[in-house]
């Protein structure tokens, strides 16, 4: 299985993390993935996670609390657009309660 801890405090940071995850998933060399757009690498990583349905855990650490940033991350150009929430397990950490709307919230 796959276990990944991704710093997710912004779309830019998360796109950079997808490059590292793409290397770990053997989707290409780092230089090859860096030459692609963030959206392209995101889609490649998500496709690979879907292929490995039920065999992965991703921790999205420190997702933004700001509502505009949150909406931007979920938009078409954002790092979480079409995220494969149901194909594996995801743990989200954030200061915003909004991220817990679709899952089980644990207060810390």
N, C-alpha and C. Protein backbone atom coordinates (compact mmCIF):
# COMPACT_ATOMS: atom_id res chain seq x y z
N UNK A 1 0.80 -1.18 0.00
CA UNK A 1 0.00 0.00 0.00
C UNK A 1 0.85 1.26 0.00
N UNK A 2 0.18 2.37 -0.08
CA UNK A 2 0.84 3.67 -0.11
C UNK A 2 0.39 4.49 1.09
N UNK A 3 1.35 5.10 1.77
CA UNK A 3 1.07 6.05 2.83
C UNK A 3 1.85 7.31 2.50
N UNK A 4 1.15 8.45 2.41
CA UNK A 4 1.80 9.70 2.06
C UNK A 4 1.35 10.80 3.00
N UNK A 5 2.30 11.61 3.46
CA UNK A 5 2.05 12.77 4.29
C UNK A 5 2.38 14.00 3.45
N UNK A 6 1.36 14.78 3.10
CA UNK A 6 1.54 15.90 2.19
C UNK A 6 1.25 17.23 2.89
N UNK A 7 2.18 18.16 2.80
CA UNK A 7 1.96 19.50 3.32
C UNK A 7 0.98 20.17 2.37
N UNK A 8 -0.16 20.60 2.89
CA UNK A 8 -1.24 21.09 2.03
C UNK A 8 -1.69 22.49 2.40
N UNK A 9 -0.78 23.32 2.87
CA UNK A 9 -1.20 24.66 3.31
C UNK A 9 -1.52 25.61 2.16
N UNK A 10 -1.22 25.22 0.94
CA UNK A 10 -1.59 26.01 -0.24
C UNK A 10 -1.59 25.08 -1.46
N UNK A 11 -2.26 25.52 -2.52
CA UNK A 11 -2.25 24.73 -3.76
C UNK A 11 -0.84 24.57 -4.29
N UNK A 12 -0.05 25.67 -4.26
CA UNK A 12 1.32 25.60 -4.77
C UNK A 12 2.14 24.56 -4.01
N UNK A 13 2.02 24.55 -2.70
CA UNK A 13 2.77 23.59 -1.89
C UNK A 13 2.31 22.18 -2.18
N UNK A 14 1.00 22.00 -2.31
CA UNK A 14 0.45 20.67 -2.57
C UNK A 14 0.84 20.16 -3.96
N UNK A 15 0.86 21.05 -4.95
CA UNK A 15 1.33 20.64 -6.27
C UNK A 15 2.77 20.16 -6.20
N UNK A 16 3.62 20.83 -5.42
CA UNK A 16 5.01 20.40 -5.25
C UNK A 16 5.07 19.04 -4.56
N UNK A 17 4.19 18.82 -3.61
CA UNK A 17 4.14 17.52 -2.92
C UNK A 17 3.71 16.42 -3.88
N UNK A 18 2.82 16.73 -4.81
CA UNK A 18 2.40 15.73 -5.79
C UNK A 18 3.57 15.28 -6.66
N UNK A 19 4.49 16.17 -6.93
CA UNK A 19 5.68 15.77 -7.69
C UNK A 19 6.46 14.71 -6.92
N UNK A 20 6.67 14.96 -5.63
CA UNK A 20 7.40 14.00 -4.80
C UNK A 20 6.64 12.67 -4.71
N UNK A 21 5.33 12.74 -4.55
CA UNK A 21 4.52 11.52 -4.50
C UNK A 21 4.56 10.80 -5.85
N UNK A 22 4.53 11.55 -6.93
CA UNK A 22 4.62 10.95 -8.26
C UNK A 22 5.91 10.19 -8.46
N UNK A 23 7.02 10.72 -7.94
CA UNK A 23 8.30 10.01 -8.00
C UNK A 23 8.20 8.72 -7.20
N UNK A 24 7.65 8.80 -5.99
CA UNK A 24 7.51 7.62 -5.14
C UNK A 24 6.61 6.56 -5.77
N UNK A 25 5.61 7.01 -6.52
CA UNK A 25 4.70 6.08 -7.20
C UNK A 25 5.26 5.60 -8.54
N UNK A 26 6.48 6.03 -8.87
CA UNK A 26 7.17 5.66 -10.10
C UNK A 26 6.44 6.12 -11.35
N UNK A 27 5.91 7.36 -11.28
CA UNK A 27 5.23 7.93 -12.44
C UNK A 27 6.19 8.68 -13.34
N UNK A 28 7.42 8.81 -12.92
CA UNK A 28 8.44 9.50 -13.70
C UNK A 28 9.53 10.02 -12.79
N UNK A 29 10.60 10.49 -13.41
CA UNK A 29 11.68 11.10 -12.65
C UNK A 29 11.23 12.49 -12.21
N UNK A 30 11.86 12.99 -11.15
CA UNK A 30 11.49 14.30 -10.62
C UNK A 30 11.58 15.38 -11.70
N UNK A 31 12.65 15.38 -12.48
CA UNK A 31 12.82 16.41 -13.52
C UNK A 31 11.71 16.31 -14.57
N UNK A 32 11.29 15.09 -14.89
CA UNK A 32 10.21 14.91 -15.86
C UNK A 32 8.89 15.46 -15.33
N UNK A 33 8.61 15.17 -14.08
CA UNK A 33 7.36 15.64 -13.47
C UNK A 33 7.38 17.15 -13.28
N UNK A 34 8.55 17.71 -12.96
CA UNK A 34 8.66 19.16 -12.79
C UNK A 34 8.43 19.90 -14.10
N UNK A 35 8.65 19.24 -15.22
CA UNK A 35 8.45 19.90 -16.52
C UNK A 35 6.97 19.94 -16.92
N UNK A 36 6.13 19.26 -16.18
CA UNK A 36 4.69 19.24 -16.46
C UNK A 36 3.98 20.30 -15.61
N UNK A 37 2.77 20.62 -15.97
CA UNK A 37 1.98 21.56 -15.17
C UNK A 37 1.56 20.88 -13.87
N UNK A 38 1.27 21.69 -12.87
CA UNK A 38 0.80 21.14 -11.60
C UNK A 38 -0.47 20.33 -11.76
N UNK A 39 -1.37 20.82 -12.61
CA UNK A 39 -2.62 20.11 -12.85
C UNK A 39 -2.38 18.75 -13.51
N UNK A 40 -1.41 18.70 -14.41
CA UNK A 40 -1.09 17.45 -15.10
C UNK A 40 -0.53 16.42 -14.11
N UNK A 41 0.38 16.85 -13.25
CA UNK A 41 0.95 15.94 -12.26
C UNK A 41 -0.14 15.50 -11.28
N UNK A 42 -0.98 16.45 -10.85
CA UNK A 42 -2.10 16.12 -9.96
C UNK A 42 -2.95 15.02 -10.57
N UNK A 43 -3.32 15.17 -11.84
CA UNK A 43 -4.18 14.19 -12.49
C UNK A 43 -3.49 12.83 -12.62
N UNK A 44 -2.19 12.83 -12.87
CA UNK A 44 -1.44 11.57 -12.95
C UNK A 44 -1.43 10.86 -11.59
N UNK A 45 -1.19 11.62 -10.53
CA UNK A 45 -1.16 11.04 -9.18
C UNK A 45 -2.54 10.50 -8.82
N UNK A 46 -3.58 11.29 -9.07
CA UNK A 46 -4.93 10.85 -8.74
C UNK A 46 -5.32 9.59 -9.52
N UNK A 47 -4.93 9.51 -10.78
CA UNK A 47 -5.22 8.33 -11.59
C UNK A 47 -4.54 7.10 -11.00
N UNK A 48 -3.30 7.27 -10.56
CA UNK A 48 -2.58 6.14 -9.95
C UNK A 48 -3.22 5.72 -8.64
N UNK A 49 -3.65 6.69 -7.83
CA UNK A 49 -4.33 6.35 -6.58
C UNK A 49 -5.64 5.61 -6.86
N UNK A 50 -6.35 6.02 -7.89
CA UNK A 50 -7.60 5.32 -8.24
C UNK A 50 -7.32 3.87 -8.64
N UNK A 51 -6.21 3.64 -9.35
CA UNK A 51 -5.83 2.27 -9.72
C UNK A 51 -5.56 1.42 -8.49
N UNK A 52 -5.08 2.06 -7.45
CA UNK A 52 -4.73 1.36 -6.21
C UNK A 52 -5.84 1.51 -5.16
N UNK A 53 -7.07 1.57 -5.60
CA UNK A 53 -8.22 1.81 -4.73
C UNK A 53 -8.18 0.92 -3.49
N UNK A 54 -8.38 1.55 -2.36
CA UNK A 54 -8.40 0.83 -1.09
C UNK A 54 -7.03 0.50 -0.53
N UNK A 55 -5.97 0.86 -1.24
CA UNK A 55 -4.62 0.50 -0.82
C UNK A 55 -3.76 1.71 -0.46
N UNK A 56 -4.41 2.84 -0.10
CA UNK A 56 -3.61 4.01 0.21
C UNK A 56 -4.22 4.85 1.32
N UNK A 57 -3.34 5.57 1.98
CA UNK A 57 -3.70 6.56 3.00
C UNK A 57 -2.90 7.81 2.70
N UNK A 58 -3.60 8.93 2.56
CA UNK A 58 -2.94 10.22 2.35
C UNK A 58 -3.34 11.14 3.49
N UNK A 59 -2.35 11.76 4.12
CA UNK A 59 -2.58 12.78 5.13
C UNK A 59 -2.38 14.13 4.44
N UNK A 60 -3.44 14.93 4.39
CA UNK A 60 -3.38 16.28 3.86
C UNK A 60 -3.24 17.21 5.06
N UNK A 61 -2.03 17.64 5.33
CA UNK A 61 -1.75 18.38 6.56
C UNK A 61 -1.87 19.88 6.36
N UNK A 62 -2.61 20.51 7.25
CA UNK A 62 -2.73 21.97 7.35
C UNK A 62 -3.45 22.59 6.16
N UNK A 63 -4.56 22.00 5.75
CA UNK A 63 -5.35 22.61 4.68
C UNK A 63 -5.82 23.99 5.14
N UNK A 64 -5.88 24.95 4.22
CA UNK A 64 -6.19 26.34 4.59
C UNK A 64 -7.55 26.50 5.28
N UNK A 65 -7.58 27.41 6.24
CA UNK A 65 -8.82 27.74 6.93
C UNK A 65 -9.60 28.81 6.17
N UNK A 66 -8.91 29.62 5.38
CA UNK A 66 -9.55 30.70 4.64
C UNK A 66 -10.51 30.13 3.59
N UNK A 67 -11.74 30.61 3.60
CA UNK A 67 -12.77 30.08 2.70
C UNK A 67 -12.41 30.27 1.23
N UNK A 68 -11.85 31.41 0.87
CA UNK A 68 -11.47 31.64 -0.54
C UNK A 68 -10.38 30.69 -0.98
N UNK A 69 -9.37 30.47 -0.12
CA UNK A 69 -8.31 29.52 -0.46
C UNK A 69 -8.88 28.11 -0.60
N UNK A 70 -9.79 27.77 0.30
CA UNK A 70 -10.40 26.44 0.28
C UNK A 70 -11.15 26.23 -1.03
N UNK A 71 -11.96 27.22 -1.42
CA UNK A 71 -12.70 27.11 -2.68
C UNK A 71 -11.75 27.03 -3.87
N UNK A 72 -10.65 27.79 -3.80
CA UNK A 72 -9.66 27.76 -4.87
C UNK A 72 -9.00 26.40 -5.02
N UNK A 73 -8.75 25.73 -3.90
CA UNK A 73 -8.12 24.41 -3.95
C UNK A 73 -9.05 23.37 -4.56
N UNK A 74 -10.35 23.58 -4.41
CA UNK A 74 -11.33 22.63 -4.93
C UNK A 74 -11.75 22.97 -6.36
N UNK A 75 -11.38 24.16 -6.85
CA UNK A 75 -11.72 24.57 -8.21
C UNK A 75 -10.90 23.83 -9.25
N UNK A 76 -11.26 24.00 -10.50
CA UNK A 76 -10.65 23.25 -11.61
C UNK A 76 -9.13 23.35 -11.67
N UNK A 77 -8.57 24.48 -11.33
CA UNK A 77 -7.12 24.67 -11.35
C UNK A 77 -6.48 24.37 -9.99
N UNK A 78 -7.29 24.02 -9.01
CA UNK A 78 -6.80 23.79 -7.66
C UNK A 78 -6.22 22.41 -7.44
N UNK A 79 -5.47 22.31 -6.38
CA UNK A 79 -4.76 21.06 -6.07
C UNK A 79 -5.69 19.92 -5.66
N UNK A 80 -6.90 20.23 -5.24
CA UNK A 80 -7.82 19.15 -4.81
C UNK A 80 -8.96 18.90 -5.79
N UNK A 81 -8.87 19.48 -6.99
CA UNK A 81 -9.92 19.27 -7.99
C UNK A 81 -9.99 17.78 -8.35
N UNK A 82 -11.18 17.21 -8.20
CA UNK A 82 -11.42 15.79 -8.48
C UNK A 82 -10.54 14.86 -7.63
N UNK A 83 -10.27 15.27 -6.39
CA UNK A 83 -9.51 14.42 -5.48
C UNK A 83 -10.25 13.10 -5.28
N UNK A 84 -9.55 11.97 -5.30
CA UNK A 84 -10.21 10.65 -5.20
C UNK A 84 -10.58 10.26 -3.77
N UNK A 85 -11.44 11.08 -3.14
CA UNK A 85 -11.79 10.87 -1.73
C UNK A 85 -12.28 9.44 -1.44
N UNK A 86 -13.07 8.85 -2.32
CA UNK A 86 -13.70 7.56 -2.02
C UNK A 86 -12.85 6.36 -2.41
N UNK A 87 -11.72 6.57 -3.06
CA UNK A 87 -10.91 5.45 -3.53
C UNK A 87 -9.86 4.97 -2.53
N UNK A 88 -9.72 5.67 -1.43
CA UNK A 88 -8.74 5.30 -0.42
C UNK A 88 -9.10 5.97 0.88
N UNK A 89 -8.13 6.17 1.72
CA UNK A 89 -8.34 6.83 3.01
C UNK A 89 -7.59 8.15 3.02
N UNK A 90 -8.23 9.18 3.59
CA UNK A 90 -7.61 10.48 3.69
C UNK A 90 -7.82 11.03 5.08
N UNK A 91 -6.75 11.54 5.66
CA UNK A 91 -6.84 12.27 6.92
C UNK A 91 -6.54 13.73 6.60
N UNK A 92 -7.42 14.62 7.03
CA UNK A 92 -7.26 16.05 6.79
C UNK A 92 -7.00 16.74 8.12
N UNK A 93 -5.96 17.57 8.16
CA UNK A 93 -5.77 18.44 9.31
C UNK A 93 -5.95 19.87 8.82
N UNK A 94 -6.68 20.66 9.61
CA UNK A 94 -6.95 22.05 9.25
C UNK A 94 -7.48 22.78 10.48
N UNK A 95 -7.37 24.07 10.44
CA UNK A 95 -7.97 24.89 11.50
C UNK A 95 -9.42 25.21 11.16
N UNK A 96 -9.85 24.85 9.96
CA UNK A 96 -11.20 25.11 9.51
C UNK A 96 -12.09 23.90 9.74
N UNK A 97 -13.27 24.14 10.25
CA UNK A 97 -14.24 23.06 10.43
C UNK A 97 -14.90 22.68 9.11
N UNK A 98 -14.80 23.55 8.11
CA UNK A 98 -15.45 23.31 6.82
C UNK A 98 -14.95 22.05 6.14
N UNK A 99 -13.70 21.69 6.31
CA UNK A 99 -13.15 20.51 5.65
C UNK A 99 -13.79 19.23 6.17
N UNK A 100 -14.39 19.27 7.34
CA UNK A 100 -14.98 18.06 7.92
C UNK A 100 -16.42 17.82 7.53
N UNK A 101 -16.95 18.61 6.61
CA UNK A 101 -18.36 18.47 6.25
C UNK A 101 -18.70 17.11 5.66
N UNK A 102 -17.78 16.50 4.94
CA UNK A 102 -18.08 15.26 4.24
C UNK A 102 -17.51 14.02 4.92
N UNK A 103 -16.87 14.21 6.04
CA UNK A 103 -16.26 13.07 6.72
C UNK A 103 -16.48 13.14 8.21
N UNK A 104 -15.79 12.32 8.92
CA UNK A 104 -15.90 12.29 10.36
C UNK A 104 -14.90 13.28 10.95
N UNK A 105 -15.38 14.18 11.76
CA UNK A 105 -14.54 15.22 12.36
C UNK A 105 -14.07 14.76 13.73
N UNK A 106 -12.79 14.96 14.00
CA UNK A 106 -12.23 14.65 15.32
C UNK A 106 -11.59 15.94 15.84
N UNK A 107 -12.12 16.45 16.92
CA UNK A 107 -11.57 17.66 17.54
C UNK A 107 -10.32 17.30 18.34
N UNK A 108 -9.28 18.13 18.18
CA UNK A 108 -8.03 17.89 18.91
C UNK A 108 -7.70 19.09 19.75
